[in-house]
PDB file of all heavy atoms in Angstrom:
ATOM      1  N   MET A   1      -5.956 -17.949  13.850  1.00  0.00           N
ATOM      2  CA  MET A   1      -4.669 -18.531  13.475  1.00  0.00           C
ATOM      3  C   MET A   1      -3.546 -17.546  13.798  1.00  0.00           C
ATOM      4  O   MET A   1      -3.744 -16.335  13.828  1.00  0.00           O
ATOM      5  CB  MET A   1      -4.642 -18.865  11.977  1.00  0.00           C
ATOM      6  CG  MET A   1      -5.583 -19.989  11.585  1.00  0.00           C
ATOM      7  SD  MET A   1      -5.266 -20.624   9.908  1.00  0.00           S
ATOM      8  CE  MET A   1      -5.557 -19.174   8.918  1.00  0.00           C
ATOM      9  N   ASN A   2      -2.356 -18.089  14.023  1.00  0.00           N
ATOM     10  CA  ASN A   2      -1.149 -17.285  14.247  1.00  0.00           C
ATOM     11  C   ASN A   2      -1.341 -16.268  15.372  1.00  0.00           C
ATOM     12  O   ASN A   2      -1.093 -15.076  15.207  1.00  0.00           O
ATOM     13  CB  ASN A   2      -0.734 -16.575  12.947  1.00  0.00           C
ATOM     14  CG  ASN A   2      -0.540 -17.562  11.807  1.00  0.00           C
ATOM     15  OD1 ASN A   2       0.127 -18.578  11.969  1.00  0.00           O
ATOM     16  ND2 ASN A   2      -1.143 -17.288  10.669  1.00  0.00           N
ATOM     17  N   TRP A   3      -1.778 -16.765  16.517  1.00  0.00           N
ATOM     18  CA  TRP A   3      -2.018 -15.903  17.665  1.00  0.00           C
ATOM     19  C   TRP A   3      -0.702 -15.436  18.272  1.00  0.00           C
ATOM     20  O   TRP A   3       0.205 -16.227  18.493  1.00  0.00           O
ATOM     21  CB  TRP A   3      -2.830 -16.648  18.726  1.00  0.00           C
ATOM     22  CG  TRP A   3      -3.077 -15.839  19.970  1.00  0.00           C
ATOM     23  CD1 TRP A   3      -4.153 -15.055  20.240  1.00  0.00           C
ATOM     24  CD2 TRP A   3      -2.195 -15.712  21.095  1.00  0.00           C
ATOM     25  NE1 TRP A   3      -4.011 -14.459  21.458  1.00  0.00           N
ATOM     26  CE2 TRP A   3      -2.816 -14.836  22.011  1.00  0.00           C
ATOM     27  CE3 TRP A   3      -0.952 -16.254  21.417  1.00  0.00           C
ATOM     28  CZ2 TRP A   3      -2.236 -14.500  23.229  1.00  0.00           C
ATOM     29  CZ3 TRP A   3      -0.357 -15.910  22.624  1.00  0.00           C
ATOM     30  CH2 TRP A   3      -1.013 -15.038  23.518  1.00  0.00           C
ATOM     31  N   LYS A   4      -0.588 -14.139  18.541  1.00  0.00           N
ATOM     32  CA  LYS A   4       0.564 -13.568  19.243  1.00  0.00           C
ATOM     33  C   LYS A   4       0.055 -12.538  20.242  1.00  0.00           C
ATOM     34  O   LYS A   4      -0.944 -11.864  20.004  1.00  0.00           O
ATOM     35  CB  LYS A   4       1.541 -12.906  18.269  1.00  0.00           C
ATOM     36  CG  LYS A   4       2.227 -13.871  17.310  1.00  0.00           C
ATOM     37  CD  LYS A   4       3.317 -13.193  16.510  1.00  0.00           C
ATOM     38  CE  LYS A   4       4.534 -12.930  17.383  1.00  0.00           C
ATOM     39  NZ  LYS A   4       5.697 -12.451  16.586  1.00  0.00           N
ATOM     40  N   ALA A   5       0.778 -12.418  21.344  1.00  0.00           N
ATOM     41  CA  ALA A   5       0.404 -11.431  22.361  1.00  0.00           C
ATOM     42  C   ALA A   5       0.771 -10.028  21.895  1.00  0.00           C
ATOM     43  O   ALA A   5       1.749  -9.831  21.165  1.00  0.00           O
ATOM     44  CB  ALA A   5       1.110 -11.747  23.681  1.00  0.00           C
ATOM     45  N   SER A   6      -0.019  -9.050  22.320  1.00  0.00           N
ATOM     46  CA  SER A   6       0.296  -7.654  22.045  1.00  0.00           C
ATOM     47  C   SER A   6       1.321  -7.153  23.061  1.00  0.00           C
ATOM     48  O   SER A   6       1.285  -7.534  24.238  1.00  0.00           O
ATOM     49  CB  SER A   6      -0.974  -6.802  22.146  1.00  0.00           C
ATOM     50  OG  SER A   6      -0.654  -5.428  22.203  1.00  0.00           O
ATOM     51  N   ASN A   7       2.212  -6.302  22.606  1.00  0.00           N
ATOM     52  CA  ASN A   7       3.186  -5.708  23.522  1.00  0.00           C
ATOM     53  C   ASN A   7       2.512  -4.844  24.591  1.00  0.00           C
ATOM     54  O   ASN A   7       3.099  -4.579  25.640  1.00  0.00           O
ATOM     55  CB  ASN A   7       4.199  -4.860  22.747  1.00  0.00           C
ATOM     56  CG  ASN A   7       5.151  -5.711  21.930  1.00  0.00           C
ATOM     57  OD1 ASN A   7       5.421  -6.858  22.285  1.00  0.00           O
ATOM     58  ND2 ASN A   7       5.648  -5.164  20.831  1.00  0.00           N
ATOM     59  N   GLY A   8       1.287  -4.421  24.324  1.00  0.00           N
ATOM     60  CA  GLY A   8       0.571  -3.587  25.282  1.00  0.00           C
ATOM     61  C   GLY A   8      -0.147  -4.361  26.374  1.00  0.00           C
ATOM     62  O   GLY A   8      -0.662  -3.763  27.318  1.00  0.00           O
ATOM     63  N   TRP A   9      -0.203  -5.691  26.236  1.00  0.00           N
ATOM     64  CA  TRP A   9      -0.898  -6.492  27.244  1.00  0.00           C
ATOM     65  C   TRP A   9      -0.030  -6.679  28.478  1.00  0.00           C
ATOM     66  O   TRP A   9       1.190  -6.876  28.371  1.00  0.00           O
ATOM     67  CB  TRP A   9      -1.253  -7.860  26.688  1.00  0.00           C
ATOM     68  CG  TRP A   9      -2.262  -7.845  25.589  1.00  0.00           C
ATOM     69  CD1 TRP A   9      -3.006  -6.782  25.166  1.00  0.00           C
ATOM     70  CD2 TRP A   9      -2.623  -8.950  24.758  1.00  0.00           C
ATOM     71  NE1 TRP A   9      -3.811  -7.149  24.129  1.00  0.00           N
ATOM     72  CE2 TRP A   9      -3.602  -8.483  23.852  1.00  0.00           C
ATOM     73  CE3 TRP A   9      -2.229 -10.264  24.682  1.00  0.00           C
ATOM     74  CZ2 TRP A   9      -4.181  -9.300  22.896  1.00  0.00           C
ATOM     75  CZ3 TRP A   9      -2.795 -11.094  23.732  1.00  0.00           C
ATOM     76  CH2 TRP A   9      -3.770 -10.606  22.847  1.00  0.00           C
ATOM     77  N   GLU A  10      -0.671  -6.675  29.620  1.00  0.00           N
ATOM     78  CA  GLU A  10       0.042  -6.934  30.868  1.00  0.00           C
ATOM     79  C   GLU A  10       0.097  -8.439  31.121  1.00  0.00           C
ATOM     80  O   GLU A  10      -0.920  -9.129  31.050  1.00  0.00           O
ATOM     81  CB  GLU A  10      -0.654  -6.238  32.040  1.00  0.00           C
ATOM     82  CG  GLU A  10       0.048  -6.444  33.377  1.00  0.00           C
ATOM     83  CD  GLU A  10      -0.675  -5.780  34.526  1.00  0.00           C
ATOM     84  OE1 GLU A  10      -1.703  -5.097  34.266  1.00  0.00           O
ATOM     85  OE2 GLU A  10      -0.229  -5.940  35.680  1.00  0.00           O
ATOM     86  N   LEU A  11       1.280  -8.943  31.405  1.00  0.00           N
ATOM     87  CA  LEU A  11       1.453 -10.364  31.709  1.00  0.00           C
ATOM     88  C   LEU A  11       1.138 -10.602  33.179  1.00  0.00           C
ATOM     89  O   LEU A  11       1.732  -9.978  34.057  1.00  0.00           O
ATOM     90  CB  LEU A  11       2.886 -10.795  31.395  1.00  0.00           C
ATOM     91  CG  LEU A  11       3.209 -12.276  31.642  1.00  0.00           C
ATOM     92  CD1 LEU A  11       2.437 -13.166  30.671  1.00  0.00           C
ATOM     93  CD2 LEU A  11       4.713 -12.530  31.502  1.00  0.00           C
ATOM     94  N   GLN A  12       0.190 -11.490  33.435  1.00  0.00           N
ATOM     95  CA  GLN A  12      -0.193 -11.838  34.801  1.00  0.00           C
ATOM     96  C   GLN A  12       0.583 -13.064  35.286  1.00  0.00           C
ATOM     97  O   GLN A  12       1.121 -13.828  34.489  1.00  0.00           O
ATOM     98  CB  GLN A  12      -1.701 -12.128  34.862  1.00  0.00           C
ATOM     99  CG  GLN A  12      -2.577 -10.974  34.402  1.00  0.00           C
ATOM    100  CD  GLN A  12      -2.519  -9.791  35.348  1.00  0.00           C
ATOM    101  OE1 GLN A  12      -2.561  -9.952  36.568  1.00  0.00           O
ATOM    102  NE2 GLN A  12      -2.422  -8.591  34.789  1.00  0.00           N
ATOM    103  N   HIS A  13       0.638 -13.236  36.596  1.00  0.00           N
ATOM    104  CA  HIS A  13       1.224 -14.426  37.223  1.00  0.00           C
ATOM    105  C   HIS A  13       2.705 -14.598  36.861  1.00  0.00           C
ATOM    106  O   HIS A  13       3.188 -15.720  36.678  1.00  0.00           O
ATOM    107  CB  HIS A  13       0.456 -15.699  36.822  1.00  0.00           C
ATOM    108  CG  HIS A  13      -1.031 -15.555  36.870  1.00  0.00           C
ATOM    109  ND1 HIS A  13      -1.724 -15.299  38.028  1.00  0.00           N
ATOM    110  CD2 HIS A  13      -1.964 -15.600  35.863  1.00  0.00           C
ATOM    111  CE1 HIS A  13      -3.022 -15.211  37.749  1.00  0.00           C
ATOM    112  NE2 HIS A  13      -3.191 -15.381  36.451  1.00  0.00           N
ATOM    113  N   SER A  14       3.427 -13.507  36.733  1.00  0.00           N
ATOM    114  CA  SER A  14       4.835 -13.566  36.299  1.00  0.00           C
ATOM    115  C   SER A  14       5.679 -14.441  37.220  1.00  0.00           C
ATOM    116  O   SER A  14       6.529 -15.214  36.752  1.00  0.00           O
ATOM    117  CB  SER A  14       5.433 -12.163  36.235  1.00  0.00           C
ATOM    118  OG  SER A  14       4.777 -11.399  35.258  1.00  0.00           O
ATOM    119  N   ASN A  15       5.443 -14.334  38.521  1.00  0.00           N
ATOM    120  CA  ASN A  15       6.246 -15.120  39.462  1.00  0.00           C
ATOM    121  C   ASN A  15       6.024 -16.618  39.261  1.00  0.00           C
ATOM    122  O   ASN A  15       6.979 -17.409  39.295  1.00  0.00           O
ATOM    123  CB  ASN A  15       5.909 -14.724  40.904  1.00  0.00           C
ATOM    124  CG  ASN A  15       6.385 -13.323  41.242  1.00  0.00           C
ATOM    125  OD1 ASN A  15       7.303 -12.806  40.599  1.00  0.00           O
ATOM    126  ND2 ASN A  15       5.762 -12.706  42.243  1.00  0.00           N
ATOM    127  N   VAL A  16       4.768 -17.000  39.072  1.00  0.00           N
ATOM    128  CA  VAL A  16       4.458 -18.415  38.833  1.00  0.00           C
ATOM    129  C   VAL A  16       5.115 -18.889  37.545  1.00  0.00           C
ATOM    130  O   VAL A  16       5.704 -19.979  37.480  1.00  0.00           O
ATOM    131  CB  VAL A  16       2.931 -18.636  38.776  1.00  0.00           C
ATOM    132  CG1 VAL A  16       2.608 -20.078  38.367  1.00  0.00           C
ATOM    133  CG2 VAL A  16       2.295 -18.315  40.117  1.00  0.00           C
ATOM    134  N   LEU A  17       5.046 -18.066  36.499  1.00  0.00           N
ATOM    135  CA  LEU A  17       5.602 -18.464  35.204  1.00  0.00           C
ATOM    136  C   LEU A  17       7.129 -18.567  35.261  1.00  0.00           C
ATOM    137  O   LEU A  17       7.723 -19.449  34.631  1.00  0.00           O
ATOM    138  CB  LEU A  17       5.169 -17.468  34.124  1.00  0.00           C
ATOM    139  CG  LEU A  17       3.655 -17.387  33.879  1.00  0.00           C
ATOM    140  CD1 LEU A  17       3.342 -16.397  32.774  1.00  0.00           C
ATOM    141  CD2 LEU A  17       3.074 -18.756  33.546  1.00  0.00           C
ATOM    142  N   GLU A  18       7.765 -17.677  36.017  1.00  0.00           N
ATOM    143  CA  GLU A  18       9.227 -17.769  36.195  1.00  0.00           C
ATOM    144  C   GLU A  18       9.588 -19.073  36.885  1.00  0.00           C
ATOM    145  O   GLU A  18      10.561 -19.741  36.502  1.00  0.00           O
ATOM    146  CB  GLU A  18       9.736 -16.573  37.006  1.00  0.00           C
ATOM    147  CG  GLU A  18       9.668 -15.235  36.289  1.00  0.00           C
ATOM    148  CD  GLU A  18      10.790 -15.044  35.286  1.00  0.00           C
ATOM    149  OE1 GLU A  18      11.609 -15.974  35.100  1.00  0.00           O
ATOM    150  OE2 GLU A  18      10.839 -13.962  34.670  1.00  0.00           O
ATOM    151  N   GLN A  19       8.800 -19.437  37.899  1.00  0.00           N
ATOM    152  CA  GLN A  19       9.058 -20.690  38.608  1.00  0.00           C
ATOM    153  C   GLN A  19       8.807 -21.894  37.702  1.00  0.00           C
ATOM    154  O   GLN A  19       9.538 -22.879  37.725  1.00  0.00           O
ATOM    155  CB  GLN A  19       8.170 -20.778  39.854  1.00  0.00           C
ATOM    156  CG  GLN A  19       8.635 -19.931  41.013  1.00  0.00           C
ATOM    157  CD  GLN A  19      10.002 -20.380  41.523  1.00  0.00           C
ATOM    158  OE1 GLN A  19      10.238 -21.569  41.756  1.00  0.00           O
ATOM    159  NE2 GLN A  19      10.908 -19.429  41.693  1.00  0.00           N
ATOM    160  N   LEU A  20       7.763 -21.804  36.887  1.00  0.00           N
ATOM    161  CA  LEU A  20       7.460 -22.879  35.936  1.00  0.00           C
ATOM    162  C   LEU A  20       8.604 -23.045  34.942  1.00  0.00           C
ATOM    163  O   LEU A  20       9.013 -24.171  34.619  1.00  0.00           O
ATOM    164  CB  LEU A  20       6.155 -22.584  35.206  1.00  0.00           C
ATOM    165  CG  LEU A  20       5.744 -23.548  34.085  1.00  0.00           C
ATOM    166  CD1 LEU A  20       5.660 -24.971  34.589  1.00  0.00           C
ATOM    167  CD2 LEU A  20       4.414 -23.105  33.472  1.00  0.00           C
ATOM    168  N   MET A  21       9.124 -21.931  34.472  1.00  0.00           N
ATOM    169  CA  MET A  21      10.249 -21.984  33.534  1.00  0.00           C
ATOM    170  C   MET A  21      11.473 -22.625  34.194  1.00  0.00           C
ATOM    171  O   MET A  21      12.137 -23.496  33.605  1.00  0.00           O
ATOM    172  CB  MET A  21      10.577 -20.568  33.051  1.00  0.00           C
ATOM    173  CG  MET A  21      11.682 -20.497  32.017  1.00  0.00           C
ATOM    174  SD  MET A  21      11.902 -18.785  31.429  1.00  0.00           S
ATOM    175  CE  MET A  21      13.226 -19.018  30.232  1.00  0.00           C
ATOM    176  N   TYR A  22      11.747 -22.216  35.422  1.00  0.00           N
ATOM    177  CA  TYR A  22      12.915 -22.746  36.138  1.00  0.00           C
ATOM    178  C   TYR A  22      12.771 -24.241  36.409  1.00  0.00           C
ATOM    179  O   TYR A  22      13.698 -25.029  36.141  1.00  0.00           O
ATOM    180  CB  TYR A  22      13.107 -21.991  37.454  1.00  0.00           C
ATOM    181  CG  TYR A  22      14.136 -22.609  38.358  1.00  0.00           C
ATOM    182  CD1 TYR A  22      15.501 -22.510  38.073  1.00  0.00           C
ATOM    183  CD2 TYR A  22      13.748 -23.318  39.506  1.00  0.00           C
ATOM    184  CE1 TYR A  22      16.454 -23.089  38.908  1.00  0.00           C
ATOM    185  CE2 TYR A  22      14.688 -23.896  40.330  1.00  0.00           C
ATOM    186  CZ  TYR A  22      16.038 -23.782  40.032  1.00  0.00           C
ATOM    187  OH  TYR A  22      16.973 -24.371  40.858  1.00  0.00           O
ATOM    188  N   GLN A  23      11.612 -24.668  36.917  1.00  0.00           N
ATOM    189  CA  GLN A  23      11.437 -26.069  37.280  1.00  0.00           C
ATOM    190  C   GLN A  23      11.409 -26.979  36.057  1.00  0.00           C
ATOM    191  O   GLN A  23      11.955 -28.083  36.075  1.00  0.00           O
ATOM    192  CB  GLN A  23      10.168 -26.243  38.114  1.00  0.00           C
ATOM    193  CG  GLN A  23      10.277 -25.664  39.512  1.00  0.00           C
ATOM    194  CD  GLN A  23       9.171 -26.148  40.424  1.00  0.00           C
ATOM    195  OE1 GLN A  23       8.549 -27.183  40.190  1.00  0.00           O
ATOM    196  NE2 GLN A  23       8.919 -25.395  41.496  1.00  0.00           N
ATOM    197  N   SER A  24      10.757 -26.529  34.998  1.00  0.00           N
ATOM    198  CA  SER A  24      10.724 -27.352  33.786  1.00  0.00           C
ATOM    199  C   SER A  24      12.115 -27.463  33.176  1.00  0.00           C
ATOM    200  O   SER A  24      12.516 -28.539  32.690  1.00  0.00           O
ATOM    201  CB  SER A  24       9.723 -26.790  32.784  1.00  0.00           C
ATOM    202  OG  SER A  24      10.036 -25.453  32.432  1.00  0.00           O
ATOM    203  N   HIS A  25      12.880 -26.365  33.199  1.00  0.00           N
ATOM    204  CA  HIS A  25      14.251 -26.417  32.685  1.00  0.00           C
ATOM    205  C   HIS A  25      15.079 -27.418  33.479  1.00  0.00           C
ATOM    206  O   HIS A  25      15.775 -28.264  32.906  1.00  0.00           O
ATOM    207  CB  HIS A  25      14.898 -25.037  32.772  1.00  0.00           C
ATOM    208  CG  HIS A  25      16.383 -25.057  32.566  1.00  0.00           C
ATOM    209  ND1 HIS A  25      16.962 -25.232  31.324  1.00  0.00           N
ATOM    210  CD2 HIS A  25      17.418 -24.961  33.457  1.00  0.00           C
ATOM    211  CE1 HIS A  25      18.269 -25.234  31.443  1.00  0.00           C
ATOM    212  NE2 HIS A  25      18.577 -25.072  32.732  1.00  0.00           N
ATOM    213  N   ARG A  26      14.976 -27.341  34.801  1.00  0.00           N
ATOM    214  CA  ARG A  26      15.783 -28.227  35.655  1.00  0.00           C
ATOM    215  C   ARG A  26      15.382 -29.686  35.461  1.00  0.00           C
ATOM    216  O   ARG A  26      16.242 -30.575  35.359  1.00  0.00           O
ATOM    217  CB  ARG A  26      15.598 -27.829  37.123  1.00  0.00           C
ATOM    218  CG  ARG A  26      16.501 -28.609  38.076  1.00  0.00           C
ATOM    219  CD  ARG A  26      16.366 -28.111  39.491  1.00  0.00           C
ATOM    220  NE  ARG A  26      14.992 -28.322  39.990  1.00  0.00           N
ATOM    221  CZ  ARG A  26      14.615 -28.029  41.230  1.00  0.00           C
ATOM    222  NH1 ARG A  26      15.481 -27.482  42.086  1.00  0.00           N
ATOM    223  NH2 ARG A  26      13.375 -28.243  41.614  1.00  0.00           N
ATOM    224  N   LEU A  27      14.059 -29.955  35.375  1.00  0.00           N
ATOM    225  CA  LEU A  27      13.590 -31.334  35.210  1.00  0.00           C
ATOM    226  C   LEU A  27      14.085 -31.944  33.909  1.00  0.00           C
ATOM    227  O   LEU A  27      14.665 -33.043  33.891  1.00  0.00           O
ATOM    228  CB  LEU A  27      12.058 -31.374  35.253  1.00  0.00           C
ATOM    229  CG  LEU A  27      11.418 -32.718  34.863  1.00  0.00           C
ATOM    230  CD1 LEU A  27      11.791 -33.798  35.863  1.00  0.00           C
ATOM    231  CD2 LEU A  27       9.902 -32.592  34.759  1.00  0.00           C
ATOM    232  N   PHE A  28      13.877 -31.250  32.798  1.00  0.00           N
ATOM    233  CA  PHE A  28      14.222 -31.840  31.502  1.00  0.00           C
ATOM    234  C   PHE A  28      15.735 -31.855  31.264  1.00  0.00           C
ATOM    235  O   PHE A  28      16.241 -32.724  30.552  1.00  0.00           O
ATOM    236  CB  PHE A  28      13.478 -31.113  30.382  1.00  0.00           C
ATOM    237  CG  PHE A  28      12.020 -31.495  30.303  1.00  0.00           C
ATOM    238  CD1 PHE A  28      11.051 -30.727  30.922  1.00  0.00           C
ATOM    239  CD2 PHE A  28      11.638 -32.646  29.644  1.00  0.00           C
ATOM    240  CE1 PHE A  28       9.715 -31.085  30.877  1.00  0.00           C
ATOM    241  CE2 PHE A  28      10.298 -33.019  29.583  1.00  0.00           C
ATOM    242  CZ  PHE A  28       9.335 -32.240  30.206  1.00  0.00           C
ATOM    243  N   GLN A  29      16.450 -30.909  31.885  1.00  0.00           N
ATOM    244  CA  GLN A  29      17.912 -30.933  31.791  1.00  0.00           C
ATOM    245  C   GLN A  29      18.475 -32.126  32.568  1.00  0.00           C
ATOM    246  O   GLN A  29      19.347 -32.857  32.075  1.00  0.00           O
ATOM    247  CB  GLN A  29      18.485 -29.633  32.357  1.00  0.00           C
ATOM    248  CG  GLN A  29      20.020 -29.566  32.329  1.00  0.00           C
ATOM    249  CD  GLN A  29      20.567 -29.303  30.942  1.00  0.00           C
ATOM    250  OE1 GLN A  29      20.251 -28.299  30.328  1.00  0.00           O
ATOM    251  NE2 GLN A  29      21.372 -30.217  30.434  1.00  0.00           N
ATOM    252  N   THR A  30      17.957 -32.336  33.772  1.00  0.00           N
ATOM    253  CA  THR A  30      18.458 -33.415  34.626  1.00  0.00           C
ATOM    254  C   THR A  30      18.044 -34.792  34.127  1.00  0.00           C
ATOM    255  O   THR A  30      18.851 -35.723  34.075  1.00  0.00           O
ATOM    256  CB  THR A  30      17.953 -33.225  36.073  1.00  0.00           C
ATOM    257  OG1 THR A  30      18.350 -31.943  36.548  1.00  0.00           O
ATOM    258  CG2 THR A  30      18.497 -34.304  36.995  1.00  0.00           C
ATOM    259  N   LYS A  31      16.771 -34.922  33.740  1.00  0.00           N
ATOM    260  CA  LYS A  31      16.235 -36.242  33.391  1.00  0.00           C
ATOM    261  C   LYS A  31      16.602 -36.688  31.982  1.00  0.00           C
ATOM    262  O   LYS A  31      16.857 -37.874  31.732  1.00  0.00           O
ATOM    263  CB  LYS A  31      14.711 -36.222  33.557  1.00  0.00           C
ATOM    264  CG  LYS A  31      14.054 -37.594  33.440  1.00  0.00           C
ATOM    265  CD  LYS A  31      12.586 -37.532  33.847  1.00  0.00           C
ATOM    266  CE  LYS A  31      11.939 -38.912  33.783  1.00  0.00           C
ATOM    267  NZ  LYS A  31      10.509 -38.861  34.227  1.00  0.00           N
TER     268      LYS A  31
END
């Protein structure tokens, strides 16, 4: 329960996640 990431963990696939954030923002803002 109450799962949170550790500050010491390395985030993988950052570029993909940035693109996911951008595209989802644009889709839901526009639609």
